[in-house]
Protein backbone atom coordinates (compact mmCIF):
# COMPACT_ATOMS: atom_id res chain seq x y z
CA MET A 1 -7.41 -14.37 17.55
CA ARG A 2 -6.87 -18.15 17.97
CA ARG A 3 -3.54 -19.43 16.87
CA GLY A 4 -2.36 -22.99 17.47
CA SER A 5 0.03 -23.38 20.28
CA SER A 6 2.64 -20.99 21.64
CA SER A 7 5.26 -23.72 21.20
CA CYS A 8 4.47 -23.83 17.46
CA ARG A 9 4.96 -20.11 17.22
CA ARG A 10 8.28 -20.33 19.09
CA TRP A 11 9.51 -22.97 16.64
CA TRP A 12 8.85 -20.63 13.73
CA SER A 13 10.37 -17.69 15.53
CA ARG A 14 13.62 -19.64 15.99
CA ALA A 15 13.54 -20.78 12.39
CA GLY A 16 13.13 -17.22 11.15
CA ALA A 17 16.08 -16.10 13.36
CA ALA A 18 18.21 -18.87 11.91
CA SER A 19 17.21 -18.13 8.33
CA HIS A 20 20.47 -16.29 7.81
CA ALA A 21 22.23 -19.63 7.84
CA VAL A 22 21.83 -23.04 6.33
CA ALA A 23 20.95 -24.37 9.76
CA GLY A 24 17.63 -22.48 9.42
CA LEU A 25 16.48 -25.12 6.87
CA PHE A 26 16.73 -27.77 9.48
CA LEU A 27 14.88 -25.76 12.06
CA LEU A 28 12.13 -24.83 9.57
CA ALA A 29 11.56 -28.46 8.58
CA LEU A 30 11.53 -29.51 12.23
CA GLY A 31 9.20 -26.66 13.07
CA VAL A 32 6.71 -27.64 10.33
CA LEU A 33 6.65 -31.23 11.60
CA ALA A 34 6.09 -30.01 15.10
CA CYS A 35 3.25 -27.72 14.00
CA SER A 36 1.68 -30.42 11.91
CA GLY A 37 0.46 -32.21 14.96
CA GLY A 38 1.86 -35.62 13.95
CA GLY A 39 0.53 -35.63 10.39
CA LYS A 40 -2.88 -34.11 11.00
CA GLY A 41 -2.23 -31.24 8.61
CA LEU A 42 -0.09 -28.13 8.68
CA GLU A 43 -1.09 -25.21 10.86
CA LYS A 44 0.50 -22.01 9.70
CA PRO A 45 1.56 -19.65 12.53
CA ALA A 46 -0.10 -16.22 12.61
CA GLY A 47 1.67 -13.37 10.91
CA SER A 48 1.57 -11.03 7.93
CA ALA A 49 3.43 -11.09 4.65
CA LEU A 50 4.34 -8.85 1.70
CA PHE A 51 4.04 -9.88 -1.94
CA VAL A 52 7.15 -9.26 -4.10
CA GLU A 53 7.26 -9.35 -7.88
CA SER A 54 9.87 -11.24 -9.82
CA GLY A 55 13.04 -9.34 -10.59
CA THR A 56 12.74 -7.08 -7.54
CA THR A 57 15.94 -6.23 -5.60
CA LEU A 58 15.30 -6.25 -1.88
CA PRO A 59 17.52 -4.00 0.31
CA ASP A 60 18.47 -5.49 3.66
CA PRO A 61 17.42 -2.39 5.73
CA ALA A 62 13.92 -2.56 4.32
CA LEU A 63 13.68 -6.31 5.11
CA SER A 64 14.79 -5.66 8.69
CA ALA A 65 12.27 -2.83 9.09
CA LEU A 66 9.50 -5.11 7.85
CA GLU A 67 10.48 -7.88 10.23
CA ASP A 68 10.47 -5.45 13.13
CA ALA A 69 6.95 -4.33 12.12
CA GLY A 70 5.67 -7.94 12.12
CA VAL A 71 5.96 -8.72 8.43
CA GLU A 72 8.22 -11.71 8.66
CA GLU A 73 7.46 -13.52 5.47
CA LEU A 74 7.55 -12.68 1.74
CA PHE A 75 5.33 -14.12 -0.99
CA VAL A 76 7.55 -14.10 -4.03
CA ALA A 77 6.42 -14.45 -7.63
CA ALA A 78 8.23 -17.62 -8.65
CA GLY A 79 6.49 -19.20 -11.63
CA GLN A 80 3.71 -19.26 -14.20
CA LEU A 81 1.18 -22.04 -14.84
CA ALA A 82 1.66 -23.39 -18.33
CA GLY A 83 1.21 -26.68 -20.33
CA SER A 84 -2.11 -28.40 -21.00
CA ALA A 85 -5.11 -28.91 -18.69
CA VAL A 86 -4.17 -32.51 -18.05
CA ALA A 87 -0.46 -31.98 -17.76
CA PRO A 88 0.14 -28.51 -16.34
CA VAL A 89 3.66 -27.41 -15.51
CA VAL A 90 5.16 -24.47 -13.70
CA GLU A 91 7.51 -22.35 -15.74
CA ALA A 92 10.00 -20.82 -13.30
CA GLY A 93 10.50 -17.08 -13.45
CA SER A 94 13.20 -14.69 -12.26
CA LEU A 95 13.10 -14.65 -8.50
CA PRO A 96 13.56 -11.45 -6.50
CA THR A 97 17.10 -10.82 -5.26
CA SER A 98 17.56 -10.89 -1.52
CA PRO A 99 20.81 -9.91 0.29
CA ARG A 100 20.43 -12.81 2.68
CA ARG A 101 18.77 -16.15 3.02
CA THR A 102 15.09 -15.23 3.43
CA SER A 103 11.98 -17.31 4.20
CA ALA A 104 9.36 -17.10 1.43
CA THR A 105 6.22 -18.62 0.04
CA LEU A 106 6.65 -19.30 -3.69
CA VAL A 107 3.75 -17.91 -5.72
CA ILE A 108 2.55 -19.61 -8.88
CA ARG A 109 0.21 -17.58 -11.08
CA GLY A 110 -1.99 -18.36 -14.07
CA ARG A 111 -5.26 -19.89 -15.16
CA TRP A 112 -6.42 -23.50 -15.29
CA HIS A 113 -9.06 -24.58 -17.82
CA GLY A 114 -9.36 -28.27 -17.07
CA SER A 115 -12.32 -30.42 -16.02
CA ARG A 116 -13.02 -32.52 -12.97
CA ASP A 117 -11.98 -35.77 -14.66
CA GLN A 118 -8.61 -34.23 -15.57
CA ALA A 119 -7.84 -33.17 -11.98
CA GLU A 120 -5.99 -36.23 -10.73
CA ALA A 121 -3.54 -36.30 -13.67
CA ALA A 122 -3.11 -32.51 -13.38
CA GLY A 123 -2.26 -32.72 -9.74
CA ARG A 124 0.41 -35.36 -10.30
CA SER A 125 1.92 -33.29 -13.13
CA LEU A 126 2.16 -30.24 -10.87
CA ALA A 127 3.82 -32.19 -8.10
CA ALA A 128 6.87 -32.94 -10.18
CA SER A 129 7.01 -29.36 -11.45
CA VAL A 130 6.83 -27.72 -8.10
CA THR A 131 9.64 -29.91 -6.77
CA GLN A 132 11.92 -28.41 -9.39
CA LEU A 133 10.66 -24.91 -8.50
CA THR A 134 11.48 -25.24 -4.83
CA SER A 135 14.93 -26.66 -5.66
CA LYS A 136 15.67 -23.67 -7.82
CA ALA A 137 14.53 -21.26 -5.07
CA ARG A 138 16.86 -22.89 -2.53
CA GLU A 139 19.71 -22.68 -4.95
CA ALA A 140 18.97 -18.94 -5.31
CA GLY A 141 19.27 -18.44 -1.58
CA TRP A 142 15.58 -18.56 -0.57
CA ILE A 143 14.09 -20.78 2.14
CA PRO A 144 10.74 -22.01 0.80
CA LEU A 145 8.04 -22.18 3.44
CA GLY A 146 5.23 -23.12 1.07
CA LEU A 147 3.55 -22.89 -2.31
CA HIS A 148 0.78 -20.49 -3.09
CA PHE A 149 -1.40 -20.83 -6.21
CA ASP A 150 -2.59 -17.41 -7.36
CA VAL A 151 -4.63 -19.14 -10.03
CA ASP A 152 -8.05 -18.36 -11.55
CA ALA A 153 -10.13 -21.50 -11.84
CA ALA A 154 -11.73 -21.08 -15.29
CA SER A 155 -13.61 -24.41 -14.90
CA GLY A 156 -14.86 -23.78 -11.43
CA LEU A 157 -13.62 -24.21 -7.82
CA GLU A 158 -14.70 -27.84 -7.55
CA ALA A 159 -12.44 -28.98 -10.40
CA TRP A 160 -9.56 -26.79 -9.33
CA GLY A 161 -9.97 -27.91 -5.73
CA ALA A 162 -9.54 -31.51 -6.91
CA VAL A 163 -6.24 -30.59 -8.65
CA VAL A 164 -4.89 -28.93 -5.51
CA GLY A 165 -6.12 -31.79 -3.35
CA GLN A 166 -4.26 -34.29 -5.48
CA LEU A 167 -1.15 -32.09 -5.32
CA ARG A 168 -1.41 -31.99 -1.54
CA GLN A 169 -1.27 -35.76 -1.40
CA THR A 170 1.93 -36.03 -3.41
CA MET A 171 3.95 -32.88 -2.66
CA ASP A 172 6.53 -32.26 0.14
CA ARG A 173 4.56 -32.33 3.39
CA THR A 174 6.95 -29.87 5.05
CA LEU A 175 5.70 -27.10 2.71
CA PHE A 176 2.47 -25.18 3.27
CA LEU A 177 -0.03 -25.24 0.45
CA SER A 178 -2.34 -22.28 -0.13
CA ALA A 179 -4.60 -20.92 -2.87
CA LYS A 180 -6.37 -17.74 -3.83
CA LEU A 181 -10.08 -17.49 -3.40
CA ARG A 182 -11.43 -14.45 -5.20
CA ARG A 183 -13.78 -12.02 -3.47
CA GLU A 184 -16.66 -12.87 -5.77
CA GLU A 185 -16.19 -16.61 -5.05
CA LEU A 186 -16.69 -16.34 -1.33
CA ASN A 187 -20.43 -17.04 -1.34
CA LEU A 188 -20.29 -19.88 -3.88
CA PRO A 189 -21.12 -23.33 -2.45
CA GLN A 190 -18.00 -24.62 -4.26
CA ALA A 191 -15.73 -22.43 -2.12
CA ALA A 192 -15.53 -25.22 0.44
CA ALA A 193 -14.11 -27.57 -2.22
CA LEU A 194 -10.96 -25.41 -2.35
CA ALA A 195 -10.88 -24.49 1.36
CA ASP A 196 -10.95 -28.16 2.41
CA VAL A 197 -7.77 -29.14 0.53
CA VAL A 198 -5.38 -26.30 1.43
CA ASP A 199 -3.56 -25.31 4.60
CA PHE A 200 -4.88 -21.81 4.31
CA LEU A 201 -6.55 -19.50 1.85
CA VAL A 202 -5.53 -16.06 0.56
CA VAL A 203 -8.54 -13.82 -0.19
CA PRO A 204 -8.27 -10.36 -1.82
CA LEU A 205 -10.75 -8.46 0.30
CA TYR A 206 -9.47 -4.87 0.59
CA GLY A 207 -8.53 -2.93 -2.58
CA GLN A 208 -7.74 -4.04 -6.11
CA ARG A 209 -4.64 -5.00 -8.01
CA PRO A 210 -3.59 -3.06 -11.11
CA GLY A 211 -5.32 -4.36 -14.19
CA GLU A 212 -8.53 -5.28 -12.43
CA ARG A 213 -11.77 -3.73 -13.50
CA GLU A 214 -12.71 -0.92 -11.05
CA GLU A 215 -15.08 -2.01 -8.39
CA LYS A 216 -16.00 0.52 -5.71
CA GLY A 217 -17.09 -2.10 -3.25
CA ALA A 218 -13.53 -3.40 -3.10
CA TRP A 219 -12.56 -0.24 -1.17
CA ASP A 220 -15.55 -0.39 1.23
CA LEU A 221 -14.60 -1.57 4.71
CA ALA A 222 -18.26 -2.53 5.44
CA GLN A 223 -18.02 -5.04 2.63
CA VAL A 224 -14.60 -6.16 3.86
CA GLU A 225 -16.13 -6.95 7.22
CA ALA A 226 -18.90 -8.94 5.57
CA GLY A 227 -16.22 -10.89 3.68
CA LEU A 228 -14.34 -11.62 6.86
CA LYS A 229 -17.46 -13.05 8.51
CA ARG A 230 -18.13 -15.25 5.50
CA LEU A 231 -14.51 -16.50 5.60
CA GLU A 232 -14.93 -17.50 9.21
CA GLU A 233 -17.85 -19.68 8.17
CA LEU A 234 -15.61 -21.64 5.83
CA GLY A 235 -13.60 -22.85 8.84
CA ARG A 236 -10.23 -22.62 7.15
CA ASP A 237 -7.32 -20.35 8.12
CA TYR A 238 -6.72 -17.45 5.82
CA LEU A 239 -4.66 -14.37 4.99
CA VAL A 240 -6.49 -11.22 3.85
CA GLU A 241 -4.89 -9.65 0.77
CA VAL A 242 -4.72 -5.88 1.11
CA ALA A 243 -3.81 -4.00 -2.08
CA THR A 244 -1.23 -1.41 -1.14
CA VAL A 245 -0.21 -0.67 -4.74
CA GLY A 246 -1.99 2.42 -6.17
CA ARG A 247 -2.80 3.36 -9.73
CA VAL A 248 -4.07 6.08 -11.96
CA LEU A 249 -6.83 5.37 -14.43
CA LYS A 250 -7.08 7.36 -17.68
CA VAL A 251 -10.26 7.73 -19.63
CA GLY A 252 -10.51 9.76 -22.89
CA GLY A 253 -10.84 9.46 -26.60
CA GLY A 254 -12.88 6.30 -26.31
CA ALA A 255 -10.05 4.36 -24.69
CA SER A 256 -8.78 3.71 -21.19
CA ASP A 257 -5.39 2.95 -19.69
CA GLU A 258 -3.69 2.86 -16.29
CA THR A 259 -0.27 3.31 -14.66
CA THR A 260 1.32 2.74 -11.27
CA VAL A 261 4.32 4.99 -12.05
CA GLY A 262 4.33 8.58 -10.87
CA SER A 263 3.17 10.40 -7.78
CA LEU A 264 0.27 12.53 -6.51
CA SER A 265 2.68 15.51 -6.61
CA ASP A 266 2.97 15.00 -10.34
CA LEU A 267 -0.76 15.37 -10.75
CA VAL A 268 -1.33 18.16 -8.23
CA ARG A 269 1.43 20.44 -9.63
CA SER A 270 0.90 19.70 -13.35
CA PRO A 271 -0.19 22.65 -15.47
CA VAL A 272 -2.01 20.22 -17.78
CA VAL A 273 -4.68 18.91 -15.37
CA GLU A 274 -6.69 20.35 -12.51
CA LEU A 275 -8.60 18.78 -9.63
CA SER A 276 -12.24 17.93 -10.36
CA HIS A 277 -14.91 19.55 -8.23
CA GLY A 278 -15.97 17.47 -5.25
CA PHE A 279 -12.79 15.43 -5.27
CA THR A 280 -12.72 15.10 -1.51
CA LEU A 281 -16.01 13.17 -1.47
CA GLU A 282 -15.12 10.48 -3.98
CA ALA A 283 -13.37 7.99 -1.72
CA ILE A 284 -15.10 5.34 0.34
CA ASP A 285 -12.27 3.84 2.42
CA ALA A 286 -9.43 4.83 0.14
CA ARG A 287 -7.71 7.97 -1.14
CA THR A 288 -9.27 8.93 -4.45
CA PHE A 289 -8.66 12.10 -6.53
CA SER A 290 -9.98 12.92 -9.99
CA PHE A 291 -8.35 15.28 -12.43
CA VAL A 292 -9.38 16.69 -15.85
CA ALA A 293 -7.02 17.90 -18.54
CA GLY A 294 -7.69 21.55 -19.27
CA LYS A 295 -5.41 21.55 -22.29
CA PRO A 296 -3.32 19.15 -24.35
CA GLY A 297 -0.03 18.02 -22.85
CA ARG A 298 2.03 15.15 -21.53
CA LEU A 299 1.71 13.67 -18.07
CA LEU A 300 2.64 10.30 -16.56
CA GLY A 301 3.84 9.18 -19.98
CA TRP A 302 0.53 9.93 -21.67
CA SER A 303 -0.33 12.46 -24.28
CA LEU A 304 -3.50 14.05 -22.91
CA ASN A 305 -6.20 15.91 -24.80
CA SER A 306 -8.52 18.51 -23.29
CA GLY A 307 -11.25 16.79 -21.35
CA ASP A 308 -9.35 13.55 -20.69
CA ALA A 309 -9.98 12.33 -17.16
CA LEU A 310 -7.47 10.83 -14.66
CA LYS A 311 -8.47 9.09 -11.47
CA MET A 312 -6.00 8.14 -8.75
CA ILE A 313 -7.06 5.48 -6.23
CA ARG A 314 -4.89 4.04 -3.45
CA LEU A 315 -4.92 3.12 0.22
CA GLY A 316 -3.29 5.50 2.63
CA SER A 317 -1.53 4.37 5.79
CA HIS A 318 -4.51 5.56 7.81
CA ASN A 319 -6.77 3.31 5.72
CA VAL A 320 -4.67 0.29 6.62
CA GLU A 321 -4.73 1.32 10.24
CA GLU A 322 -8.50 1.64 10.23
CA TYR A 323 -8.91 -1.76 8.52
CA ARG A 324 -6.75 -3.47 11.05
CA ARG A 325 -8.54 -1.67 13.91
CA ARG A 326 -11.92 -2.85 12.66
CA ALA A 327 -10.75 -6.34 11.95
CA GLY A 328 -9.40 -6.43 15.53
CA THR A 329 -12.86 -5.79 16.93
CA LEU A 330 -14.30 -8.88 15.22
CA GLU A 331 -14.09 -12.45 16.54
CA LEU A 332 -11.91 -13.87 13.76
CA ASN A 333 -10.55 -17.24 14.83
CA HIS A 334 -9.10 -18.13 11.44
CA ARG A 335 -7.49 -14.89 10.28
CA LEU A 336 -3.72 -15.42 10.27
CA GLY A 337 -2.92 -11.87 9.28
CA ASP A 338 -2.62 -9.90 6.04
CA LEU A 339 -0.83 -10.29 2.71
CA PHE A 340 0.05 -6.85 1.50
CA TYR A 341 0.10 -6.56 -2.27
CA ARG A 342 2.72 -5.52 -3.19
CA TRP A 343 6.30 -4.26 -2.76
CA ALA A 344 6.39 -0.85 -4.42
CA GLU A 345 9.27 0.19 -6.65
CA GLU A 346 10.78 3.62 -6.06
CA GLU A 347 9.03 5.18 -9.04
CA GLU A 348 5.62 3.92 -7.89
CA GLY A 349 4.71 6.90 -5.78
CA PHE A 350 0.97 6.18 -5.77
CA SER A 351 1.63 3.08 -3.67
CA LEU A 352 2.44 2.49 0.01
CA SER A 353 6.20 2.23 0.34
CA VAL A 354 7.88 -0.10 2.81
CA ALA A 355 8.26 2.97 5.10
CA ASN A 356 4.53 3.69 4.80
CA LEU A 357 3.60 0.10 5.62
CA VAL A 358 5.92 0.03 8.62
CA SER A 359 4.26 3.27 9.87
CA ALA A 360 0.80 1.82 9.29
CA LEU A 361 1.67 -1.23 11.41
CA ALA A 362 3.21 0.74 14.26
CA ALA A 363 1.42 1.39 17.55
CA ALA A 364 1.34 5.14 17.05
CA PRO A 365 -0.73 6.61 14.13
CA ALA A 366 1.15 7.29 10.92
CA GLN A 367 1.60 11.07 10.43
CA ALA A 368 3.53 13.45 8.22
CA ASP A 369 6.68 14.80 9.83
CA LEU A 370 6.24 18.50 9.07
CA HIS A 371 8.55 21.29 10.08
CA LEU A 372 8.16 25.08 9.65
CA ASN A 373 11.28 27.20 9.28
CA VAL A 374 11.59 31.00 9.21
CA GLU A 375 14.69 32.82 8.12
CA THR A 376 14.97 36.44 9.11
CA LEU A 377 16.87 38.46 6.58
CA ASP A 378 18.32 42.03 6.79
CA ASN A 379 15.90 44.88 7.88
CA ARG A 380 15.43 47.90 5.73
CA GLY A 381 14.19 50.67 7.93
CA SER A 382 10.76 49.71 9.20
CA THR A 383 10.56 46.88 6.68
CA ARG A 384 11.42 43.40 7.94
CA ARG A 385 12.23 40.66 5.42
CA TYR A 386 11.65 36.96 5.82
CA ARG A 387 11.89 33.70 3.94
CA VAL A 388 9.66 30.80 5.08
CA ALA A 389 9.76 27.12 4.26
CA VAL A 390 7.70 24.04 5.16
CA GLU A 391 9.34 20.65 4.93
CA ASN A 392 8.09 17.05 5.20
CA ARG A 393 10.92 14.94 6.61
CA GLY A 394 8.99 11.68 6.53
CA ALA A 395 7.35 9.23 4.19
CA GLU A 396 3.75 10.14 5.14
CA PRO A 397 2.09 12.84 2.98
CA THR A 398 -0.40 15.53 3.81
CA ASP A 399 -3.87 15.51 2.35
CA VAL A 400 -4.78 17.56 -0.73
CA ALA A 401 -6.43 20.92 0.19
CA VAL A 402 -7.17 23.96 -1.85
CA LEU A 403 -9.33 26.12 0.42
CA SER A 404 -8.96 26.34 4.18
CA SER A 405 -5.90 24.21 4.92
CA ASN A 406 -2.32 23.53 3.81
CA PHE A 407 -0.89 27.01 4.14
CA VAL A 408 1.83 29.02 5.78
CA GLU A 409 0.52 32.23 7.35
CA VAL A 410 2.57 35.37 7.87
CA ALA A 411 0.70 37.90 10.05
CA ALA A 412 1.67 41.52 10.66
CA PRO A 413 -0.25 42.72 13.75
CA GLY A 414 0.27 46.45 13.97
CA GLY A 415 1.79 46.55 10.46
CA THR A 416 1.05 45.52 6.90
CA ILE A 417 2.26 42.99 4.33
CA GLY A 418 4.65 44.50 1.75
CA LYS A 419 6.15 42.80 -1.31
CA VAL A 420 5.58 39.07 -1.69
CA ASP A 421 7.53 36.48 -3.58
CA ALA A 422 5.62 33.22 -3.18
CA GLY A 423 8.50 31.12 -4.48
CA GLU A 424 7.56 27.43 -4.70
CA PHE A 425 4.14 27.78 -3.16
CA ALA A 426 1.11 27.13 -5.41
CA ARG A 427 -0.66 30.43 -4.74
CA TRP A 428 -0.99 33.18 -2.18
CA GLN A 429 -3.67 35.45 -0.64
CA LEU A 430 -3.59 38.85 0.96
CA LEU A 431 -6.08 39.17 3.78
CA ARG A 432 -7.11 41.39 6.73
CA ARG A 433 -9.36 41.07 9.72
CA GLY A 434 -12.87 42.32 9.15
CA ARG A 435 -15.18 43.88 11.71
CA ARG A 436 -16.08 40.58 13.27
CA GLY A 437 -12.52 39.25 13.25
CA LYS A 438 -13.09 37.16 10.15
CA LEU A 439 -10.45 37.13 7.48
CA VAL A 440 -11.42 38.80 4.26
CA ARG A 441 -9.51 39.52 1.07
CA SER A 442 -7.57 42.72 0.97
CA PHE A 443 -5.49 44.22 -1.84
CA ARG A 444 -4.44 47.24 0.19
CA LYS A 445 -3.11 47.36 3.77
CA ALA A 446 -3.30 43.59 4.11
CA THR A 447 -2.20 42.29 7.52
CA VAL A 448 -2.17 38.55 6.73
CA LEU A 449 -0.46 36.62 3.98
CA ARG A 450 -1.28 32.97 3.31
CA LEU A 451 0.99 30.87 1.10
CA HIS A 452 -0.81 27.81 -0.08
CA ALA A 453 0.83 24.42 -0.60
CA THR A 454 -1.96 22.23 -2.08
CA TYR A 455 -0.08 19.06 -1.16
CA LEU A 456 3.18 18.08 0.48
CA GLY A 457 4.30 14.62 -0.45
CA PRO A 458 6.99 12.41 1.20
CA PHE A 459 10.30 14.25 1.83
CA GLU A 460 9.08 17.32 -0.08
CA ARG A 461 9.88 20.99 0.79
CA GLN A 462 8.36 24.25 -0.37
CA GLU A 463 10.09 27.58 0.15
CA SER A 464 9.05 31.12 -0.43
CA GLY A 465 11.03 33.98 -1.86
CA ILE A 466 11.46 37.15 0.10
CA ILE A 467 8.41 38.40 2.05
CA GLU A 468 8.26 41.95 3.43
CA VAL A 469 6.43 43.00 6.56
CA VAL A 470 6.17 46.79 7.13
CA GLY A 471 5.86 48.52 10.50
CA ALA A 472 5.92 45.54 12.83
CA PRO A 473 7.55 42.08 13.34
CA GLY A 474 5.91 39.26 11.40
CA GLU A 475 4.32 36.25 13.13
CA VAL A 476 4.50 32.94 11.26
CA ARG A 477 2.41 29.73 11.66
CA ALA A 478 1.19 26.95 9.40
CA GLU A 479 -1.78 24.65 9.15
CA PHE A 480 -1.97 21.38 7.21
CA LEU A 481 -4.66 18.80 6.70
CA LEU A 482 -3.58 15.19 7.17
CA PRO A 483 -5.16 12.24 5.27
CA ASP A 484 -7.05 11.04 8.34
CA GLY A 485 -8.85 14.41 8.65
CA ILE A 486 -6.70 15.88 11.45
CA ASP A 487 -5.59 19.53 11.15
CA LEU A 488 -1.90 19.84 12.12
CA GLU A 489 -0.81 23.32 13.36
CA LEU A 490 2.84 24.28 13.16
CA THR A 491 4.90 27.01 14.77
CA PRO A 492 8.36 28.00 13.61
CA GLU A 493 11.09 25.51 14.52
CA GLU A 494 13.83 27.99 14.16
CA ALA A 495 13.89 31.77 14.14
CA GLN A 496 16.95 33.77 13.24
């Protein structure tokens, strides 16, 4: 990956380190001038960023973890495009709350409906408005690095590019200027009109934001690679937007809806819905599960009727890892990094959390932190009694499995399984070894018990009740399927 000069990167590194103090402003401004090559245009240093919605409260430990993982900048929702086509203004919103002075790109969202002959006046109008926006951000404790226009150009890229170009001529030259280029606009001849007037582009290539019409190709890494190659042809630096916020789509009763609030555990363990057949084959390069309501009931804030369908779609940490691996194999001279959309709130369990994102960016593969515990209770004659539990001590989940994985197994070689209290486990099976050593169902003289946990989410634990093994000591193990297809085998961590 080509990236300016090492001295330019060092300037920005120093500025980021000084961002805890007012002196950081001076270093940032000096660094921008140094990187601009004496007025030849700004060159943004390589690095990734995370999008943050307005009103979000940012905890300091999470910010530090992101910085350590290489996400050293935030894109913060700062304002909305308003006013007329010829005199647009930016209406400032409620900025996120940061515990310290933090470097950020200020994001302006909206839609512009003007024409090419209105572009010059529109650009001058925006220049005055964004000056007020950056001043407000500084007063709130932010260190603005640039302005990003997350704007849909209703009148076409050529007219909107002329607006941005006029703004570039009149705005503060120590601030970066960037704009969104939609996936479907990549192959338009007018894409160059926008690329030529910004310091870098932001292009949503992998995944979709909530509210967007479902498009399967958005989750296909083959199409992402094609988009990256087209971006290189434009010759402008860019960030790839990766949608890390997940959602559930609801279809039923002639209407559709969606939500980002809830978790996969809510769906898997609900008595109202059940997994659709073939669910494991639905995803392309994302985690996708479909559910159907078997009876009326409430779930995720919805009142469901029988037959209503729910579809969860999100990226897993392993999907982000694979995307970055594949991008790393391509010759991408203009890719600065990734813009992850977006910071997930605590109740948004379908999305990648900060902890998930940090794991996905680490050198080692992200993996659930599973532990198997066995508690040996009092013996009653030849009957031994146990309680077993499986615990996920990390933020990474297991995969969903209902057949041959995600179980705790209690075997009784030389004995039989007695009474079983499955406790919190979803279901259980009594089995024995057949003539060829294959496990088969057995209702009498079973020698193997399997306790099935369909899914184990972040920091979740499932525990059995009392399990009896008659005539011999019990042997316990577990097997769980991870989202990247790996089977993880567990042995007891503690035996009492």
